[in-house]
Amino acid sequence: MKLSATKLYVESYVKCRCCGILIYDAGRADAVEKDGKLFCSTWCVDWEAARAADPAPAA
């Protein structure tokens, strides 16, 4: 659980779409929103794009 600025519990967790790091109410200075998805940094945005562009390995 996390606490808000008012010291009350917050029921929802906002996490980076790529790595899962928590982004608290104050946010992160380098947080990025792209296509309605929230990322903790531009590095995660680039990583998500690279992963989506890479075809799945053959099984």
N, C-alpha and C. Protein backbone atom coordinates (compact mmCIF):
# COMPACT_ATOMS: atom_id res chain seq x y z
N MET A 1 0.83 -1.18 0.00
CA MET A 1 0.00 0.00 0.00
C MET A 1 0.87 1.24 0.00
N LYS A 2 0.31 2.30 -0.47
CA LYS A 2 1.03 3.56 -0.45
C LYS A 2 0.17 4.63 0.19
N LEU A 3 0.79 5.68 0.65
CA LEU A 3 0.07 6.78 1.28
C LEU A 3 0.05 7.98 0.37
N SER A 4 -1.05 8.70 0.37
CA SER A 4 -1.14 9.93 -0.40
C SER A 4 -0.57 11.08 0.42
N ALA A 5 -0.57 12.26 -0.15
CA ALA A 5 -0.07 13.44 0.54
C ALA A 5 -0.88 13.73 1.79
N THR A 6 -2.14 13.31 1.81
CA THR A 6 -3.00 13.54 2.97
C THR A 6 -2.88 12.43 4.00
N LYS A 7 -1.95 11.52 3.80
CA LYS A 7 -1.69 10.39 4.71
C LYS A 7 -2.82 9.36 4.71
N LEU A 8 -3.64 9.36 3.67
CA LEU A 8 -4.69 8.37 3.53
C LEU A 8 -4.24 7.31 2.53
N TYR A 9 -4.76 6.11 2.68
CA TYR A 9 -4.40 5.05 1.76
C TYR A 9 -4.98 5.31 0.38
N VAL A 10 -4.22 4.98 -0.62
CA VAL A 10 -4.66 5.09 -2.00
C VAL A 10 -4.89 3.67 -2.50
N GLU A 11 -6.04 3.43 -3.09
CA GLU A 11 -6.39 2.07 -3.48
C GLU A 11 -5.82 1.66 -4.82
N SER A 12 -5.49 2.61 -5.66
CA SER A 12 -4.98 2.25 -6.98
C SER A 12 -3.48 2.52 -7.07
N TYR A 13 -2.81 1.66 -7.76
CA TYR A 13 -1.39 1.83 -8.01
C TYR A 13 -1.21 2.21 -9.46
N VAL A 14 -0.42 3.23 -9.72
CA VAL A 14 -0.10 3.63 -11.09
C VAL A 14 1.31 3.16 -11.35
N LYS A 15 1.45 2.28 -12.32
CA LYS A 15 2.75 1.68 -12.61
C LYS A 15 3.16 1.97 -14.05
N CYS A 16 4.46 1.95 -14.27
CA CYS A 16 5.00 2.07 -15.61
C CYS A 16 4.52 0.89 -16.44
N ARG A 17 4.10 1.17 -17.64
CA ARG A 17 3.57 0.13 -18.53
C ARG A 17 4.63 -0.91 -18.90
N CYS A 18 5.88 -0.50 -18.89
CA CYS A 18 6.97 -1.39 -19.32
C CYS A 18 7.62 -2.14 -18.16
N CYS A 19 8.12 -1.39 -17.18
CA CYS A 19 8.91 -2.03 -16.12
C CYS A 19 8.16 -2.24 -14.81
N GLY A 20 7.02 -1.57 -14.63
CA GLY A 20 6.21 -1.78 -13.45
C GLY A 20 6.57 -0.94 -12.24
N ILE A 21 7.49 0.00 -12.38
CA ILE A 21 7.85 0.85 -11.25
C ILE A 21 6.66 1.72 -10.87
N LEU A 22 6.44 1.92 -9.57
CA LEU A 22 5.32 2.73 -9.11
C LEU A 22 5.56 4.20 -9.40
N ILE A 23 4.52 4.87 -9.86
CA ILE A 23 4.57 6.31 -10.10
C ILE A 23 3.56 6.93 -9.13
N TYR A 24 4.06 7.55 -8.09
CA TYR A 24 3.21 8.08 -7.03
C TYR A 24 2.49 9.35 -7.46
N ASP A 25 1.64 9.86 -6.55
CA ASP A 25 0.83 11.05 -6.83
C ASP A 25 1.66 12.22 -7.34
N ALA A 26 2.84 12.42 -6.77
CA ALA A 26 3.70 13.52 -7.20
C ALA A 26 4.27 13.24 -8.59
N GLY A 27 4.19 12.00 -9.02
CA GLY A 27 4.72 11.63 -10.33
C GLY A 27 6.24 11.56 -10.33
N ARG A 28 6.79 11.35 -11.46
CA ARG A 28 8.24 11.34 -11.65
C ARG A 28 8.57 12.46 -12.60
N ALA A 29 9.70 13.07 -12.39
CA ALA A 29 10.10 14.19 -13.25
C ALA A 29 10.23 13.74 -14.71
N ASP A 30 10.63 12.50 -14.92
CA ASP A 30 10.83 12.01 -16.29
C ASP A 30 9.71 11.09 -16.78
N ALA A 31 8.55 11.09 -16.12
CA ALA A 31 7.43 10.26 -16.55
C ALA A 31 6.91 10.74 -17.90
N VAL A 32 6.50 9.78 -18.74
CA VAL A 32 6.05 10.07 -20.10
C VAL A 32 4.74 9.34 -20.35
N GLU A 33 3.78 10.02 -20.97
CA GLU A 33 2.55 9.38 -21.38
C GLU A 33 2.54 9.33 -22.91
N LYS A 34 2.34 8.12 -23.44
CA LYS A 34 2.33 7.95 -24.90
C LYS A 34 1.20 7.01 -25.26
N ASP A 35 0.37 7.43 -26.18
CA ASP A 35 -0.77 6.64 -26.65
C ASP A 35 -1.66 6.19 -25.49
N GLY A 36 -1.82 7.04 -24.48
CA GLY A 36 -2.67 6.71 -23.34
C GLY A 36 -2.03 5.77 -22.34
N LYS A 37 -0.77 5.45 -22.52
CA LYS A 37 -0.05 4.56 -21.61
C LYS A 37 0.99 5.38 -20.87
N LEU A 38 1.18 5.09 -19.58
CA LEU A 38 2.12 5.84 -18.76
C LEU A 38 3.41 5.05 -18.58
N PHE A 39 4.53 5.72 -18.83
CA PHE A 39 5.85 5.12 -18.68
C PHE A 39 6.67 5.96 -17.71
N CYS A 40 7.62 5.34 -17.02
CA CYS A 40 8.42 6.06 -16.03
C CYS A 40 9.51 6.90 -16.67
N SER A 41 9.89 6.59 -17.91
CA SER A 41 10.95 7.34 -18.58
C SER A 41 10.88 7.11 -20.09
N THR A 42 11.63 7.91 -20.83
CA THR A 42 11.68 7.71 -22.28
C THR A 42 12.38 6.40 -22.62
N TRP A 43 13.26 5.94 -21.74
CA TRP A 43 13.94 4.66 -21.97
C TRP A 43 12.91 3.54 -22.06
N CYS A 44 11.92 3.54 -21.16
CA CYS A 44 10.89 2.51 -21.18
C CYS A 44 10.01 2.63 -22.42
N VAL A 45 9.76 3.86 -22.88
CA VAL A 45 8.99 4.06 -24.11
C VAL A 45 9.75 3.42 -25.28
N ASP A 46 11.04 3.70 -25.37
CA ASP A 46 11.86 3.13 -26.45
C ASP A 46 11.94 1.61 -26.35
N TRP A 47 12.06 1.09 -25.15
CA TRP A 47 12.16 -0.37 -24.94
C TRP A 47 10.87 -1.05 -25.37
N GLU A 48 9.72 -0.48 -25.00
CA GLU A 48 8.42 -1.04 -25.37
C GLU A 48 8.25 -1.04 -26.89
N ALA A 49 8.68 0.05 -27.55
CA ALA A 49 8.58 0.13 -29.01
C ALA A 49 9.49 -0.89 -29.68
N ALA A 50 10.69 -1.06 -29.17
CA ALA A 50 11.62 -2.04 -29.73
C ALA A 50 11.11 -3.45 -29.55
N ARG A 51 10.52 -3.72 -28.39
CA ARG A 51 9.99 -5.05 -28.12
C ARG A 51 8.80 -5.36 -29.01
N ALA A 52 7.96 -4.34 -29.28
CA ALA A 52 6.80 -4.54 -30.15
C ALA A 52 7.22 -4.74 -31.61
N ALA A 53 8.31 -4.10 -32.01
CA ALA A 53 8.78 -4.22 -33.39
C ALA A 53 9.49 -5.55 -33.67
N ASP A 54 10.01 -6.16 -32.62
CA ASP A 54 10.75 -7.43 -32.76
C ASP A 54 9.73 -8.57 -32.89
N PRO A 55 9.79 -9.34 -33.97
CA PRO A 55 8.84 -10.45 -34.12
C PRO A 55 9.09 -11.52 -33.06
N ALA A 56 8.03 -12.20 -32.70
CA ALA A 56 8.12 -13.27 -31.70
C ALA A 56 8.98 -14.42 -32.24
N PRO A 57 9.79 -15.02 -31.39
CA PRO A 57 10.62 -16.15 -31.84
C PRO A 57 9.76 -17.36 -32.21
N ALA A 58 10.20 -18.10 -33.20
CA ALA A 58 9.47 -19.28 -33.62
C ALA A 58 9.60 -20.36 -32.57
N ALA A 59 8.51 -21.03 -32.29
CA ALA A 59 8.52 -22.08 -31.26
C ALA A 59 8.72 -23.43 -31.88
